[in-house]
Amino acid sequence: MSSETMIKNDFIVTCERCIEACAACIESCSNRPGMQDCIKFCERCIDACKDCIASSESSSLDRAILMQQCINACYNCAKECEKHEHESCIKCADACRRCIAECESLLD
């Protein structure tokens, strides 16, 4: 497996883990009052991560734009989730931070 393929696989796995953590956070927070912002940011993060995964085969410009959007969505989601002490929010924020780091490493 080439190093580019391994990097792409790591990136996709990181995005998929972020999607899973956000989905778990949405499920956990849906029964809690006052968690609408958390749910909204998780939904946006899921969409951005899915777009980023889909872009892994597209041109470098398109991919860079979508990766930046993913970074922004993950940052906002992590920032919101870090306001809460629920286990799902903590795990989600951590997954978002890892996704940010992975995207940033590929943009450098």
Protein backbone atom coordinates (compact mmCIF):
# COMPACT_ATOMS: atom_id res chain seq x y z
CA MET A 1 0.00 0.00 0.00
CA SER A 2 1.43 3.39 -0.98
CA SER A 3 1.98 6.10 1.60
CA GLU A 4 -0.63 8.25 -0.16
CA THR A 5 -3.16 5.43 0.12
CA MET A 6 -2.35 4.97 3.82
CA ILE A 7 -2.74 8.71 4.43
CA LYS A 8 -6.07 8.69 2.61
CA ASN A 9 -7.23 5.65 4.60
CA ASP A 10 -6.22 7.28 7.91
CA PHE A 11 -8.07 10.43 6.89
CA ILE A 12 -11.23 8.52 5.95
CA VAL A 13 -11.14 6.46 9.17
CA THR A 14 -10.72 9.64 11.23
CA CYS A 15 -13.69 11.27 9.48
CA GLU A 16 -15.79 8.12 9.94
CA ARG A 17 -14.98 8.05 13.67
CA CYS A 18 -15.96 11.70 13.94
CA ILE A 19 -19.27 10.94 12.19
CA GLU A 20 -19.91 8.05 14.60
CA ALA A 21 -19.10 10.18 17.65
CA CYS A 22 -21.34 13.00 16.44
CA ALA A 23 -24.20 10.57 15.74
CA ALA A 24 -23.84 9.10 19.25
CA CYS A 25 -23.80 12.61 20.70
CA ILE A 26 -26.98 13.54 18.82
CA GLU A 27 -28.69 10.40 20.09
CA SER A 28 -27.58 11.06 23.66
CA CYS A 29 -28.44 14.76 23.62
CA SER A 30 -31.81 14.43 21.89
CA ASN A 31 -33.49 13.60 25.22
CA ARG A 32 -31.82 16.43 27.13
CA PRO A 33 -33.34 19.90 27.30
CA GLY A 34 -31.23 22.81 26.07
CA MET A 35 -29.03 20.72 23.78
CA GLN A 36 -30.33 22.05 20.46
CA ASP A 37 -27.07 23.84 19.62
CA CYS A 38 -25.06 20.73 20.36
CA ILE A 39 -27.27 18.68 18.07
CA LYS A 40 -27.16 21.33 15.34
CA PHE A 41 -23.34 21.50 15.38
CA CYS A 42 -23.08 17.70 15.38
CA GLU A 43 -25.38 17.50 12.35
CA ARG A 44 -23.28 20.08 10.50
CA CYS A 45 -20.11 18.23 11.42
CA ILE A 46 -21.50 14.94 10.12
CA ASP A 47 -22.41 16.57 6.80
CA ALA A 48 -18.98 18.20 6.48
CA CYS A 49 -17.16 14.95 7.28
CA LYS A 50 -19.27 13.04 4.75
CA ASP A 51 -18.51 15.68 2.12
CA CYS A 52 -14.83 15.44 2.96
CA ILE A 53 -14.82 11.67 2.57
CA ALA A 54 -16.62 11.98 -0.76
CA SER A 55 -14.03 14.54 -1.90
CA SER A 56 -11.10 12.22 -1.32
CA GLU A 57 -11.15 11.34 -5.02
CA SER A 58 -11.78 14.85 -6.37
CA SER A 59 -9.38 17.56 -7.46
CA SER A 60 -7.01 19.02 -4.92
CA LEU A 61 -8.74 22.43 -4.96
CA ASP A 62 -12.18 20.96 -4.29
CA ARG A 63 -10.72 18.71 -1.62
CA ALA A 64 -8.92 21.60 0.07
CA ILE A 65 -12.11 23.68 0.18
CA LEU A 66 -14.12 20.80 1.64
CA MET A 67 -11.38 19.99 4.14
CA GLN A 68 -11.40 23.59 5.34
CA GLN A 69 -15.18 23.42 5.71
CA CYS A 70 -14.73 20.18 7.66
CA ILE A 71 -12.16 21.82 9.93
CA ASN A 72 -14.56 24.70 10.59
CA ALA A 73 -17.52 22.40 11.29
CA CYS A 74 -15.43 20.15 13.56
CA TYR A 75 -14.04 23.17 15.41
CA ASN A 76 -17.52 24.59 16.06
CA CYS A 77 -18.84 21.19 17.12
CA ALA A 78 -15.92 20.56 19.48
CA LYS A 79 -16.26 24.04 20.95
CA GLU A 80 -19.95 23.45 21.68
CA CYS A 81 -19.50 19.90 22.98
CA GLU A 82 -16.71 21.01 25.31
CA LYS A 83 -19.28 23.15 27.14
CA HIS A 84 -21.00 19.97 28.37
CA GLU A 85 -19.88 17.27 30.75
CA HIS A 86 -21.86 14.44 29.18
CA GLU A 87 -19.70 11.49 28.15
CA SER A 88 -21.04 11.58 24.58
CA CYS A 89 -20.13 15.27 24.28
CA ILE A 90 -16.62 14.68 25.60
CA LYS A 91 -16.06 11.81 23.14
CA CYS A 92 -17.51 13.88 20.30
CA ALA A 93 -15.27 16.86 21.03
CA ASP A 94 -12.24 14.55 21.13
CA ALA A 95 -13.16 12.95 17.79
CA CYS A 96 -13.69 16.40 16.27
CA ARG A 97 -10.26 17.57 17.49
CA ARG A 98 -8.63 14.48 15.95
CA CYS A 99 -10.44 15.13 12.68
CA ILE A 100 -9.24 18.75 12.68
CA ALA A 101 -5.67 17.60 13.22
CA GLU A 102 -5.90 15.04 10.42
CA CYS A 103 -7.36 17.56 7.96
CA GLU A 104 -4.80 20.20 8.89
CA SER A 105 -1.94 17.73 8.42
CA LEU A 106 -3.14 16.98 4.90
CA LEU A 107 -3.56 20.66 4.02
CA ASP A 108 0.02 21.54 5.01
